[in-house]
Amino acid sequence: MKKTFLIIAAFFAIAVQAQEQKNQVPQISVTGEGKVKIVPDQAVVTVGFQNSGKDAKEVKTLNDEVVDKVIKFLKKSGIPATDYKTSNVSLYKGYDYEKKKSNFQASQTLIITLKDLSKYDEIMMGLNDAGVNSINGVEFKSSKIDDYERDARKKAIQNAKQKAQDYVSVLGQKVGKALLITDNSQSYIPQPMYKGNVMAMAVDGGAQRETLAVGELEINTNVSVTFALE
């Protein structure tokens, strides 16, 4: 009886396996890449200012005066209040071991988004006049980044389908519908590719001085796609 049961179980397993093989859809898995290069139309500038002195209240007052001048200048230049913010404020007591005396240092950092790059030189010179004494970095961005990312995704799928067609055309088969799509793209900040596109500022005599190389941004998207074969 036990032997008969084992034979029936084995027969059933073979039948199931045969049915699975029969129902298995021929398929191909490929990866696709989509690249889009864009010219930035915005810049995020990080600037700072520092003051030092013997009295904490004095150095804080000096910093507050700079903040007031900077904000008034930005408003006058047409920069919306939503496009600039304080990112860091510090006030601390330091000690000079050589001179054997202490002093206070106050500093503040502002992040400013310039949505009109033609104002770059005007803004930077005005900030300098207002008391900003350090530029901590400039990051270029695009106001249409979402649209460009969508374009990159579409190109990645098109690239994957073309790869699949290249492979199976040799076999006399056709690429069918997509069975599985996996987005392999990682969170990232588009990296600048410095290539021409220089901002210029007029100088005495009407000549142009190159002051800002905005370069290009490159967006990369990567997908894995499994297609059915017909």
C-alpha atoms as a PDB file:
ATOM      1  CA  MET A   1       0.000   0.000   0.000  1.00  0.00           C
ATOM      2  CA  LYS A   2       2.831   2.337   0.982  1.00  0.00           C
ATOM      3  CA  LYS A   3       4.663   1.525  -2.248  1.00  0.00           C
ATOM      4  CA  THR A   4       1.569   2.278  -4.320  1.00  0.00           C
ATOM      5  CA  PHE A   5       1.144   5.638  -2.570  1.00  0.00           C
ATOM      6  CA  LEU A   6       4.765   6.614  -3.351  1.00  0.00           C
ATOM      7  CA  ILE A   7       4.292   5.740  -7.016  1.00  0.00           C
ATOM      8  CA  ILE A   8       1.135   7.848  -7.238  1.00  0.00           C
ATOM      9  CA  ALA A   9       2.865  10.792  -5.479  1.00  0.00           C
ATOM     10  CA  ALA A  10       5.835  10.596  -7.834  1.00  0.00           C
ATOM     11  CA  PHE A  11       3.535  10.466 -10.865  1.00  0.00           C
ATOM     12  CA  PHE A  12       1.622  13.497  -9.593  1.00  0.00           C
ATOM     13  CA  ALA A  13       4.865  15.476  -9.047  1.00  0.00           C
ATOM     14  CA  ILE A  14       6.052  14.684 -12.566  1.00  0.00           C
ATOM     15  CA  ALA A  15       2.688  15.748 -14.005  1.00  0.00           C
ATOM     16  CA  VAL A  16       2.773  19.070 -12.118  1.00  0.00           C
ATOM     17  CA  GLN A  17       6.336  19.765 -13.262  1.00  0.00           C
ATOM     18  CA  ALA A  18       5.429  19.000 -16.864  1.00  0.00           C
ATOM     19  CA  GLN A  19       2.440  21.329 -16.657  1.00  0.00           C
ATOM     20  CA  GLU A  20       4.613  24.130 -15.200  1.00  0.00           C
ATOM     21  CA  GLN A  21       7.133  23.728 -18.000  1.00  0.00           C
ATOM     22  CA  LYS A  22       4.302  23.804 -20.527  1.00  0.00           C
ATOM     23  CA  ASN A  23       2.874  27.014 -19.044  1.00  0.00           C
ATOM     24  CA  GLN A  24       6.241  28.752 -18.739  1.00  0.00           C
ATOM     25  CA  VAL A  25       6.404  31.819 -20.977  1.00  0.00           C
ATOM     26  CA  PRO A  26       9.614  32.279 -23.000  1.00  0.00           C
ATOM     27  CA  GLN A  27      11.170  35.532 -21.817  1.00  0.00           C
ATOM     28  CA  ILE A  28      14.221  37.741 -21.895  1.00  0.00           C
ATOM     29  CA  SER A  29      15.612  40.072 -19.205  1.00  0.00           C
ATOM     30  CA  VAL A  30      17.670  43.146 -20.095  1.00  0.00           C
ATOM     31  CA  THR A  31      18.741  46.433 -18.554  1.00  0.00           C
ATOM     32  CA  GLY A  32      18.161  49.870 -20.024  1.00  0.00           C
ATOM     33  CA  GLU A  33      19.806  53.224 -19.422  1.00  0.00           C
ATOM     34  CA  GLY A  34      18.421  56.691 -20.010  1.00  0.00           C
ATOM     35  CA  LYS A  35      20.581  59.815 -20.025  1.00  0.00           C
ATOM     36  CA  VAL A  36      19.487  63.423 -20.299  1.00  0.00           C
ATOM     37  CA  LYS A  37      21.869  66.395 -20.336  1.00  0.00           C
ATOM     38  CA  ILE A  38      20.487  69.779 -19.369  1.00  0.00           C
ATOM     39  CA  VAL A  39      21.737  73.336 -18.924  1.00  0.00           C
ATOM     40  CA  PRO A  40      21.023  74.634 -15.396  1.00  0.00           C
ATOM     41  CA  ASP A  41      18.817  77.686 -15.020  1.00  0.00           C
ATOM     42  CA  GLN A  42      19.157  78.151 -11.251  1.00  0.00           C
ATOM     43  CA  ALA A  43      21.946  78.404  -8.699  1.00  0.00           C
ATOM     44  CA  VAL A  44      21.944  77.782  -4.956  1.00  0.00           C
ATOM     45  CA  VAL A  45      24.611  79.967  -3.360  1.00  0.00           C
ATOM     46  CA  THR A  46      25.789  79.467   0.220  1.00  0.00           C
ATOM     47  CA  VAL A  47      27.368  82.580   1.755  1.00  0.00           C
ATOM     48  CA  GLY A  48      28.526  83.503   5.223  1.00  0.00           C
ATOM     49  CA  PHE A  49      29.856  86.291   7.391  1.00  0.00           C
ATOM     50  CA  GLN A  50      31.840  86.405  10.607  1.00  0.00           C
ATOM     51  CA  ASN A  51      32.691  89.037  13.205  1.00  0.00           C
ATOM     52  CA  SER A  52      34.914  88.890  16.263  1.00  0.00           C
ATOM     53  CA  GLY A  53      35.535  91.084  19.266  1.00  0.00           C
ATOM     54  CA  LYS A  54      36.008  91.240  23.017  1.00  0.00           C
ATOM     55  CA  ASP A  55      32.327  91.557  23.872  1.00  0.00           C
ATOM     56  CA  ALA A  56      29.663  88.974  22.974  1.00  0.00           C
ATOM     57  CA  LYS A  57      26.917  91.562  22.625  1.00  0.00           C
ATOM     58  CA  GLU A  58      29.104  93.665  20.354  1.00  0.00           C
ATOM     59  CA  VAL A  59      29.906  90.872  17.855  1.00  0.00           C
ATOM     60  CA  LYS A  60      26.284  89.722  17.827  1.00  0.00           C
ATOM     61  CA  THR A  61      25.195  93.276  17.068  1.00  0.00           C
ATOM     62  CA  LEU A  62      27.689  93.442  14.204  1.00  0.00           C
ATOM     63  CA  ASN A  63      26.293  90.209  12.762  1.00  0.00           C
ATOM     64  CA  ASP A  64      22.722  91.411  13.171  1.00  0.00           C
ATOM     65  CA  GLU A  65      23.586  94.541  11.213  1.00  0.00           C
ATOM     66  CA  VAL A  66      24.946  92.437   8.355  1.00  0.00           C
ATOM     67  CA  VAL A  67      21.832  90.249   8.365  1.00  0.00           C
ATOM     68  CA  ASP A  68      19.656  93.360   8.165  1.00  0.00           C
ATOM     69  CA  LYS A  69      21.660  94.753   5.231  1.00  0.00           C
ATOM     70  CA  VAL A  70      21.660  91.434   3.377  1.00  0.00           C
ATOM     71  CA  ILE A  71      17.919  90.874   3.723  1.00  0.00           C
ATOM     72  CA  LYS A  72      17.114  94.447   2.667  1.00  0.00           C
ATOM     73  CA  PHE A  73      19.410  94.066  -0.348  1.00  0.00           C
ATOM     74  CA  LEU A  74      17.812  90.757  -1.384  1.00  0.00           C
ATOM     75  CA  LYS A  75      14.323  92.240  -1.091  1.00  0.00           C
ATOM     76  CA  LYS A  76      15.369  95.267  -3.120  1.00  0.00           C
ATOM     77  CA  SER A  77      16.822  92.932  -5.777  1.00  0.00           C
ATOM     78  CA  GLY A  78      13.489  91.153  -6.153  1.00  0.00           C
ATOM     79  CA  ILE A  79      14.526  87.887  -4.470  1.00  0.00           C
ATOM     80  CA  PRO A  80      11.431  86.365  -2.772  1.00  0.00           C
ATOM     81  CA  ALA A  81      11.713  85.680   0.959  1.00  0.00           C
ATOM     82  CA  THR A  82      11.050  82.000   0.230  1.00  0.00           C
ATOM     83  CA  ASP A  83      14.302  81.825  -1.788  1.00  0.00           C
ATOM     84  CA  TYR A  84      16.726  82.531   1.039  1.00  0.00           C
ATOM     85  CA  LYS A  85      17.124  81.182   4.561  1.00  0.00           C
ATOM     86  CA  THR A  86      19.556  81.037   7.462  1.00  0.00           C
ATOM     87  CA  SER A  87      21.237  77.633   7.708  1.00  0.00           C
ATOM     88  CA  ASN A  88      23.642  78.186  10.584  1.00  0.00           C
ATOM     89  CA  VAL A  89      24.139  80.674  13.435  1.00  0.00           C
ATOM     90  CA  SER A  90      26.908  80.521  16.020  1.00  0.00           C
ATOM     91  CA  LEU A  91      28.316  82.641  18.823  1.00  0.00           C
ATOM     92  CA  TYR A  92      31.172  81.291  20.863  1.00  0.00           C
ATOM     93  CA  LYS A  93      34.071  82.317  23.040  1.00  0.00           C
ATOM     94  CA  GLY A  94      37.574  81.588  21.827  1.00  0.00           C
ATOM     95  CA  TYR A  95      40.966  81.901  23.504  1.00  0.00           C
ATOM     96  CA  ASP A  96      44.266  83.057  22.006  1.00  0.00           C
ATOM     97  CA  TYR A  97      46.986  81.194  23.907  1.00  0.00           C
ATOM     98  CA  GLU A  98      49.795  83.316  22.429  1.00  0.00           C
ATOM     99  CA  LYS A  99      48.239  86.631  23.412  1.00  0.00           C
ATOM    100  CA  LYS A 100      46.652  85.035  26.484  1.00  0.00           C
ATOM    101  CA  LYS A 101      43.284  86.632  25.986  1.00  0.00           C
ATOM    102  CA  SER A 102      39.829  85.558  24.969  1.00  0.00           C
ATOM    103  CA  ASN A 103      37.467  86.934  22.373  1.00  0.00           C
ATOM    104  CA  PHE A 104      34.027  86.193  20.952  1.00  0.00           C
ATOM    105  CA  GLN A 105      33.243  85.099  17.402  1.00  0.00           C
ATOM    106  CA  ALA A 106      29.842  85.277  15.745  1.00  0.00           C
ATOM    107  CA  SER A 107      29.011  83.749  12.365  1.00  0.00           C
ATOM    108  CA  GLN A 108      26.000  83.093  10.201  1.00  0.00           C
ATOM    109  CA  THR A 109      25.379  81.231   6.954  1.00  0.00           C
ATOM    110  CA  LEU A 110      22.698  81.960   4.359  1.00  0.00           C
ATOM    111  CA  ILE A 111      21.466  79.770   1.512  1.00  0.00           C
ATOM    112  CA  ILE A 112      20.161  81.782  -1.440  1.00  0.00           C
ATOM    113  CA  THR A 113      18.384  80.354  -4.496  1.00  0.00           C
ATOM    114  CA  LEU A 114      18.893  82.422  -7.637  1.00  0.00           C
ATOM    115  CA  LYS A 115      16.183  81.620 -10.160  1.00  0.00           C
ATOM    116  CA  ASP A 116      17.553  84.163 -12.623  1.00  0.00           C
ATOM    117  CA  LEU A 117      21.226  83.463 -13.360  1.00  0.00           C
ATOM    118  CA  SER A 118      21.585  86.784 -15.172  1.00  0.00           C
ATOM    119  CA  LYS A 119      21.475  88.419 -11.721  1.00  0.00           C
ATOM    120  CA  TYR A 120      24.397  86.381 -10.380  1.00  0.00           C
ATOM    121  CA  ASP A 121      27.089  89.080 -10.559  1.00  0.00           C
ATOM    122  CA  GLU A 122      24.766  91.802  -9.337  1.00  0.00           C
ATOM    123  CA  ILE A 123      23.696  89.712  -6.347  1.00  0.00           C
ATOM    124  CA  MET A 124      27.203  88.578  -5.427  1.00  0.00           C
ATOM    125  CA  MET A 125      28.621  92.097  -5.533  1.00  0.00           C
ATOM    126  CA  GLY A 126      25.686  93.424  -3.508  1.00  0.00           C
ATOM    127  CA  LEU A 127      26.145  90.722  -0.877  1.00  0.00           C
ATOM    128  CA  ASN A 128      29.812  91.634  -0.602  1.00  0.00           C
ATOM    129  CA  ASP A 129      28.914  95.284  -0.072  1.00  0.00           C
ATOM    130  CA  ALA A 130      26.399  94.256   2.592  1.00  0.00           C
ATOM    131  CA  GLY A 131      29.096  92.514   4.636  1.00  0.00           C
ATOM    132  CA  VAL A 132      29.175  88.923   3.398  1.00  0.00           C
ATOM    133  CA  ASN A 133      32.821  87.820   3.533  1.00  0.00           C
ATOM    134  CA  SER A 134      32.752  84.185   2.409  1.00  0.00           C
ATOM    135  CA  ILE A 135      31.207  82.115  -0.387  1.00  0.00           C
ATOM    136  CA  ASN A 136      30.920  78.524   0.772  1.00  0.00           C
ATOM    137  CA  GLY A 137      29.644  76.974  -2.427  1.00  0.00           C
ATOM    138  CA  VAL A 138      27.527  77.236  -5.584  1.00  0.00           C
ATOM    139  CA  GLU A 139      25.237  74.388  -6.698  1.00  0.00           C
ATOM    140  CA  PHE A 140      23.505  74.493 -10.085  1.00  0.00           C
ATOM    141  CA  LYS A 141      19.961  73.212 -10.539  1.00  0.00           C
ATOM    142  CA  SER A 142      17.141  73.089 -13.076  1.00  0.00           C
ATOM    143  CA  SER A 143      13.597  74.314 -12.511  1.00  0.00           C
ATOM    144  CA  LYS A 144      12.344  71.545 -14.840  1.00  0.00           C
ATOM    145  CA  ILE A 145      14.181  68.659 -13.185  1.00  0.00           C
ATOM    146  CA  ASP A 146      10.989  66.539 -12.837  1.00  0.00           C
ATOM    147  CA  ASP A 147      10.282  66.787 -16.570  1.00  0.00           C
ATOM    148  CA  TYR A 148      13.854  65.808 -17.443  1.00  0.00           C
ATOM    149  CA  GLU A 149      13.744  62.850 -15.048  1.00  0.00           C
ATOM    150  CA  ARG A 150      10.592  61.600 -16.799  1.00  0.00           C
ATOM    151  CA  ASP A 151      12.386  61.871 -20.141  1.00  0.00           C
ATOM    152  CA  ALA A 152      15.296  59.860 -18.746  1.00  0.00           C
ATOM    153  CA  ARG A 153      12.953  57.094 -17.543  1.00  0.00           C
ATOM    154  CA  LYS A 154      11.285  56.856 -20.963  1.00  0.00           C
ATOM    155  CA  LYS A 155      14.686  56.643 -22.654  1.00  0.00           C
ATOM    156  CA  ALA A 156      15.714  53.867 -20.255  1.00  0.00           C
ATOM    157  CA  ILE A 157      12.658  51.767 -21.213  1.00  0.00           C
ATOM    158  CA  GLN A 158      13.217  52.440 -24.915  1.00  0.00           C
ATOM    159  CA  ASN A 159      16.847  51.424 -24.535  1.00  0.00           C
ATOM    160  CA  ALA A 160      15.868  48.182 -22.784  1.00  0.00           C
ATOM    161  CA  LYS A 161      13.314  47.292 -25.472  1.00  0.00           C
ATOM    162  CA  GLN A 162      15.818  47.980 -28.243  1.00  0.00           C
ATOM    163  CA  LYS A 163      18.349  45.699 -26.549  1.00  0.00           C
ATOM    164  CA  ALA A 164      15.788  42.917 -26.296  1.00  0.00           C
ATOM    165  CA  GLN A 165      14.840  43.317 -29.969  1.00  0.00           C
ATOM    166  CA  ASP A 166      18.501  43.192 -31.000  1.00  0.00           C
ATOM    167  CA  TYR A 167      18.979  39.884 -29.187  1.00  0.00           C
ATOM    168  CA  VAL A 168      15.838  38.033 -30.248  1.00  0.00           C
ATOM    169  CA  SER A 169      15.772  39.204 -33.871  1.00  0.00           C
ATOM    170  CA  VAL A 170      18.648  36.820 -34.532  1.00  0.00           C
ATOM    171  CA  LEU A 171      16.453  33.967 -33.267  1.00  0.00           C
ATOM    172  CA  GLY A 172      13.488  34.907 -35.416  1.00  0.00           C
ATOM    173  CA  GLN A 173      11.393  35.826 -32.393  1.00  0.00           C
ATOM    174  CA  LYS A 174       9.598  39.005 -31.363  1.00  0.00           C
ATOM    175  CA  VAL A 175       9.531  40.961 -28.140  1.00  0.00           C
ATOM    176  CA  GLY A 176       6.151  40.829 -26.418  1.00  0.00           C
ATOM    177  CA  LYS A 177       4.715  42.655 -23.431  1.00  0.00           C
ATOM    178  CA  ALA A 178       6.769  43.594 -20.374  1.00  0.00           C
ATOM    179  CA  LEU A 179       6.354  41.089 -17.521  1.00  0.00           C
ATOM    180  CA  LEU A 180       8.444  42.890 -14.905  1.00  0.00           C
ATOM    181  CA  ILE A 181      10.038  46.345 -14.634  1.00  0.00           C
ATOM    182  CA  THR A 182      12.512  47.165 -11.858  1.00  0.00           C
ATOM    183  CA  ASP A 183      13.831  50.660 -11.298  1.00  0.00           C
ATOM    184  CA  ASN A 184      17.519  50.413 -10.371  1.00  0.00           C
ATOM    185  CA  SER A 185      18.059  54.179 -10.169  1.00  0.00           C
ATOM    186  CA  GLN A 186      19.418  55.479  -6.907  1.00  0.00           C
ATOM    187  CA  SER A 187      18.691  58.775  -5.168  1.00  0.00           C
ATOM    188  CA  TYR A 188      21.259  61.248  -6.343  1.00  0.00           C
ATOM    189  CA  ILE A 189      22.007  64.867  -7.068  1.00  0.00           C
ATOM    190  CA  PRO A 190      22.651  65.406 -10.799  1.00  0.00           C
ATOM    191  CA  GLN A 191      26.364  65.966 -11.296  1.00  0.00           C
ATOM    192  CA  PRO A 192      27.586  69.027 -13.188  1.00  0.00           C
ATOM    193  CA  MET A 193      29.539  68.534 -16.402  1.00  0.00           C
ATOM    194  CA  TYR A 194      31.520  71.697 -17.039  1.00  0.00           C
ATOM    195  CA  LYS A 195      31.288  72.501 -20.690  1.00  0.00           C
ATOM    196  CA  GLY A 196      30.956  76.041 -22.035  1.00  0.00           C
ATOM    197  CA  ASN A 197      27.838  78.003 -21.087  1.00  0.00           C
ATOM    198  CA  VAL A 198      29.582  80.877 -19.361  1.00  0.00           C
ATOM    199  CA  MET A 199      27.833  83.824 -17.760  1.00  0.00           C
ATOM    200  CA  ALA A 200      29.432  87.173 -18.615  1.00  0.00           C
ATOM    201  CA  MET A 201      29.480  90.578 -16.945  1.00  0.00           C
ATOM    202  CA  ALA A 202      30.150  93.889 -18.667  1.00  0.00           C
ATOM    203  CA  VAL A 203      33.312  95.707 -17.621  1.00  0.00           C
ATOM    204  CA  ASP A 204      34.705  99.147 -18.410  1.00  0.00           C
ATOM    205  CA  GLY A 205      34.929  99.747 -22.154  1.00  0.00           C
ATOM    206  CA  GLY A 206      31.947  97.509 -22.952  1.00  0.00           C
ATOM    207  CA  ALA A 207      33.966  94.275 -22.914  1.00  0.00           C
ATOM    208  CA  GLN A 208      32.530  91.111 -21.377  1.00  0.00           C
ATOM    209  CA  ARG A 209      34.176  89.315 -18.484  1.00  0.00           C
ATOM    210  CA  GLU A 210      33.449  85.630 -17.952  1.00  0.00           C
ATOM    211  CA  THR A 211      32.477  85.077 -14.327  1.00  0.00           C
ATOM    212  CA  LEU A 212      30.384  81.910 -14.051  1.00  0.00           C
ATOM    213  CA  ALA A 213      30.672  78.532 -15.814  1.00  0.00           C
ATOM    214  CA  VAL A 214      27.312  76.815 -15.373  1.00  0.00           C
ATOM    215  CA  GLY A 215      28.211  73.718 -17.395  1.00  0.00           C
ATOM    216  CA  GLU A 216      25.640  70.918 -17.802  1.00  0.00           C
ATOM    217  CA  LEU A 217      23.764  68.531 -15.529  1.00  0.00           C
ATOM    218  CA  GLU A 218      23.435  64.855 -16.444  1.00  0.00           C
ATOM    219  CA  ILE A 219      20.523  62.725 -15.248  1.00  0.00           C
ATOM    220  CA  ASN A 220      20.975  58.940 -15.362  1.00  0.00           C
ATOM    221  CA  THR A 221      18.187  56.371 -15.014  1.00  0.00           C
ATOM    222  CA  ASN A 222      18.647  52.590 -15.015  1.00  0.00           C
ATOM    223  CA  VAL A 223      15.950  49.899 -15.256  1.00  0.00           C
ATOM    224  CA  SER A 224      15.732  46.104 -15.556  1.00  0.00           C
ATOM    225  CA  VAL A 225      12.933  44.799 -17.768  1.00  0.00           C
ATOM    226  CA  THR A 226      11.707  41.265 -18.412  1.00  0.00           C
ATOM    227  CA  PHE A 227       9.854  40.845 -21.706  1.00  0.00           C
ATOM    228  CA  ALA A 228       7.772  37.922 -22.918  1.00  0.00           C
ATOM    229  CA  LEU A 229       8.875  36.425 -26.238  1.00  0.00           C
ATOM    230  CA  GLU A 230       6.457  35.698 -29.068  1.00  0.00           C
END
